[in-house]
Structure formats: C-alpha cells, structure tokens
N, C-alpha and C. Protein backbone atom coordinates (compact mmCIF):
# COMPACT_ATOMS: atom_id res chain seq x y z
N MET A 1 87.90 107.59 92.51
CA MET A 1 89.08 107.99 91.77
C MET A 1 90.07 109.12 92.55
N ILE A 2 91.28 109.12 92.46
CA ILE A 2 92.11 109.82 93.31
C ILE A 2 91.89 111.16 93.16
N SER A 3 91.79 111.59 92.02
CA SER A 3 91.85 113.13 91.66
C SER A 3 90.52 113.73 92.27
N GLN A 4 89.67 113.11 92.97
CA GLN A 4 88.36 113.49 93.58
C GLN A 4 88.58 113.21 94.89
N TRP A 5 89.86 112.99 95.39
CA TRP A 5 90.32 112.74 96.99
C TRP A 5 89.91 114.18 97.66
N ASN A 6 89.71 114.19 98.85
CA ASN A 6 89.87 115.42 99.68
C ASN A 6 91.00 114.99 100.93
N GLU A 7 91.07 116.15 101.68
CA GLU A 7 92.41 115.94 102.50
C GLU A 7 92.07 115.23 103.92
N GLN A 8 90.86 114.70 104.05
CA GLN A 8 90.55 113.65 104.93
C GLN A 8 90.96 112.25 104.35
N GLN A 9 90.45 112.22 103.04
CA GLN A 9 91.02 110.89 102.65
C GLN A 9 92.56 110.65 102.39
N LEU A 10 93.07 111.79 102.19
CA LEU A 10 94.51 111.69 102.14
C LEU A 10 95.12 111.55 103.53
N ARG A 11 94.64 112.15 104.54
CA ARG A 11 95.20 111.63 105.85
C ARG A 11 95.06 110.44 106.55
N VAL A 12 93.59 109.72 106.01
CA VAL A 12 93.47 108.52 106.31
C VAL A 12 94.22 107.66 105.67
N THR A 13 94.63 107.83 104.40
CA THR A 13 95.62 106.83 103.57
C THR A 13 96.74 107.18 104.18
N ALA A 14 97.59 108.37 104.47
CA ALA A 14 98.76 108.29 105.22
C ALA A 14 98.66 107.56 106.73
N GLU A 15 97.68 107.69 107.31
CA GLU A 15 97.79 106.96 108.59
C GLU A 15 97.71 105.49 108.45
N GLN A 16 96.93 104.85 107.32
CA GLN A 16 97.18 103.45 106.76
C GLN A 16 98.47 103.18 106.55
N LEU A 17 99.40 103.82 105.87
CA LEU A 17 100.61 103.84 105.32
C LEU A 17 101.46 103.54 106.52
N ALA A 18 101.20 104.53 107.38
CA ALA A 18 102.17 104.34 108.61
C ALA A 18 101.86 103.25 109.53
N ARG A 19 100.75 103.10 109.46
CA ARG A 19 100.40 101.44 110.37
C ARG A 19 101.31 100.56 109.64
N LEU A 20 101.14 100.33 108.31
CA LEU A 20 101.82 99.27 107.53
C LEU A 20 103.11 99.34 107.80
N GLU A 21 103.81 100.37 107.86
CA GLU A 21 105.15 100.59 107.69
C GLU A 21 105.52 100.07 109.08
N ARG A 22 104.71 100.49 110.17
CA ARG A 22 105.21 100.00 111.65
C ARG A 22 104.96 98.49 111.45
N ALA A 23 104.02 97.75 111.14
CA ALA A 23 103.75 96.39 111.17
C ALA A 23 104.91 95.75 110.25
N LEU A 24 105.35 96.23 109.23
CA LEU A 24 106.49 95.67 108.58
C LEU A 24 107.76 95.78 109.35
N ALA A 25 108.00 96.87 110.15
CA ALA A 25 109.25 97.12 110.83
C ALA A 25 109.15 96.14 112.15
N GLY A 26 108.15 95.96 112.64
CA GLY A 26 107.95 94.93 113.84
C GLY A 26 108.11 93.31 113.25
N LEU A 27 107.74 92.98 112.04
CA LEU A 27 107.74 91.95 111.63
C LEU A 27 109.19 91.65 111.26
N LYS A 28 110.01 92.68 110.41
CA LYS A 28 111.27 92.70 110.52
C LYS A 28 112.08 92.29 111.86
N ALA A 29 111.76 92.85 112.73
CA ALA A 29 112.46 92.83 114.19
C ALA A 29 112.33 91.49 114.70
N GLU A 30 111.13 90.91 114.40
CA GLU A 30 110.58 89.75 114.91
C GLU A 30 111.05 88.55 114.16
N VAL A 31 110.84 88.41 112.87
CA VAL A 31 111.07 87.34 111.88
C VAL A 31 112.52 87.32 111.50
N TYR A 32 112.91 88.44 110.79
CA TYR A 32 113.89 88.49 110.16
C TYR A 32 115.20 87.93 110.69
N PRO A 33 115.64 88.24 112.09
CA PRO A 33 116.85 87.68 112.67
C PRO A 33 116.82 85.95 112.75
N LYS A 34 115.73 85.55 112.90
CA LYS A 34 115.25 83.87 113.04
C LYS A 34 115.57 83.37 111.42
N SER A 35 114.95 84.01 110.50
CA SER A 35 114.81 83.61 109.10
C SER A 35 114.37 84.56 108.06
N PRO A 36 115.51 84.97 107.70
CA PRO A 36 115.44 86.02 106.63
C PRO A 36 114.32 85.52 105.39
N GLU A 37 114.77 84.34 104.83
CA GLU A 37 113.65 83.83 103.72
C GLU A 37 112.32 83.84 104.08
N ARG A 38 111.98 83.50 105.61
CA ARG A 38 110.66 83.77 106.21
C ARG A 38 110.27 85.14 105.65
N PHE A 39 111.04 85.94 106.54
CA PHE A 39 110.63 87.43 106.66
C PHE A 39 110.11 87.87 104.99
N PHE A 40 111.01 87.46 104.12
CA PHE A 40 110.74 88.18 102.91
C PHE A 40 109.50 87.69 102.26
N LEU A 41 109.27 86.23 102.56
CA LEU A 41 107.90 85.77 102.06
C LEU A 41 106.72 86.45 102.94
N MET A 42 106.96 86.75 103.98
CA MET A 42 105.93 87.29 104.98
C MET A 42 105.66 88.56 104.53
N ALA A 43 106.78 89.36 104.02
CA ALA A 43 106.72 90.98 103.86
C ALA A 43 106.06 91.29 102.85
N GLU A 44 106.01 90.47 101.53
CA GLU A 44 105.74 90.61 100.25
C GLU A 44 104.03 91.43 100.33
N ALA A 45 103.10 91.05 100.76
CA ALA A 45 101.98 91.53 100.80
C ALA A 45 101.90 93.13 101.65
N TYR A 46 102.91 93.20 102.60
CA TYR A 46 102.99 94.39 103.28
C TYR A 46 103.52 95.68 102.36
N VAL A 47 104.58 94.91 101.74
CA VAL A 47 105.18 95.89 100.64
C VAL A 47 104.36 96.15 99.55
N ASP A 48 103.88 95.55 98.91
CA ASP A 48 102.82 95.43 97.80
C ASP A 48 101.98 96.74 98.30
N GLU A 49 101.14 96.44 99.64
CA GLU A 49 100.11 97.35 99.87
C GLU A 49 100.78 98.72 100.05
N ILE A 50 102.02 98.82 100.74
CA ILE A 50 102.88 100.06 100.97
C ILE A 50 103.03 100.84 99.88
N CYS A 51 103.61 100.07 98.45
CA CYS A 51 103.70 100.75 97.47
C CYS A 51 102.35 101.36 96.86
N LYS A 52 101.40 100.39 97.08
CA LYS A 52 100.15 100.98 96.45
C LYS A 52 99.65 102.36 96.91
N LEU A 53 99.73 102.34 98.31
CA LEU A 53 99.37 103.58 99.18
C LEU A 53 100.30 104.48 98.93
N ARG A 54 101.61 104.37 98.77
CA ARG A 54 102.41 105.40 98.39
C ARG A 54 102.16 106.26 97.10
N GLN A 55 101.73 105.31 96.07
CA GLN A 55 101.46 105.83 94.88
C GLN A 55 100.14 106.65 94.84
N GLU A 56 99.11 106.16 95.65
CA GLU A 56 97.99 106.79 95.61
C GLU A 56 98.21 108.29 96.26
N ILE A 57 99.05 108.32 97.25
CA ILE A 57 99.41 109.67 97.68
C ILE A 57 99.98 110.56 96.86
N ASP A 58 100.98 109.98 96.29
CA ASP A 58 101.91 110.44 95.50
C ASP A 58 101.02 111.11 94.16
N GLU A 59 99.96 110.46 93.82
CA GLU A 59 98.92 110.85 92.64
C GLU A 59 98.29 112.09 93.13
N PHE A 60 97.60 111.80 94.51
CA PHE A 60 96.98 112.98 95.11
C PHE A 60 97.56 114.43 95.27
N ILE A 61 98.86 114.25 95.46
CA ILE A 61 99.65 115.57 95.74
C ILE A 61 100.32 116.06 94.42
N GLY A 62 100.17 115.18 93.52
CA GLY A 62 100.51 115.64 92.09
C GLY A 62 102.07 115.47 92.06
N LEU A 63 102.63 114.43 92.75
CA LEU A 63 103.85 114.07 92.43
C LEU A 63 104.25 113.43 91.14
N THR A 64 103.10 112.76 90.67
CA THR A 64 103.42 112.00 89.54
C THR A 64 103.46 112.96 88.48
N LEU A 65 103.14 114.14 88.45
CA LEU A 65 102.92 115.16 87.48
C LEU A 65 104.11 115.73 87.14
N VAL A 66 105.09 115.74 88.29
CA VAL A 66 106.28 116.41 88.21
C VAL A 66 107.56 115.56 87.38
C-alpha cells in the first residue's frame, strides 16, 4: 500500500520513472521519424507505466489530497 511507503521506496520509484521517460524519449528519437504510427503503438506500454508510477508518487507525496 502506498500510504506505507518510505523515502527509499519513493526514491526507487522516481528512478524507475526517470528510466522509463528516458527510454520513451529514445524510442521517440529512433522510431517516430521513420513511422509515427509504429511509435504510438510501441509507446503505449511505456506511457501506461509512466502514468502509473506518477500516480503512485503523487499519492505518496499527498498531491492527490490537494
């Protein structure tokens, strides 16, 4: 449960988020110029996971309470 997270778990999740964002940027640089349609198909899983991690971080820091 996210409410029981600690700072270490927050840091690890933030690092995972950063890695996914870098991977998505790399995918965009490599695939999008050749085939935007293929990029959007390939990017979907990255975007879903990025949104999930951002939501978890937002819940931990209390952003969802504001």
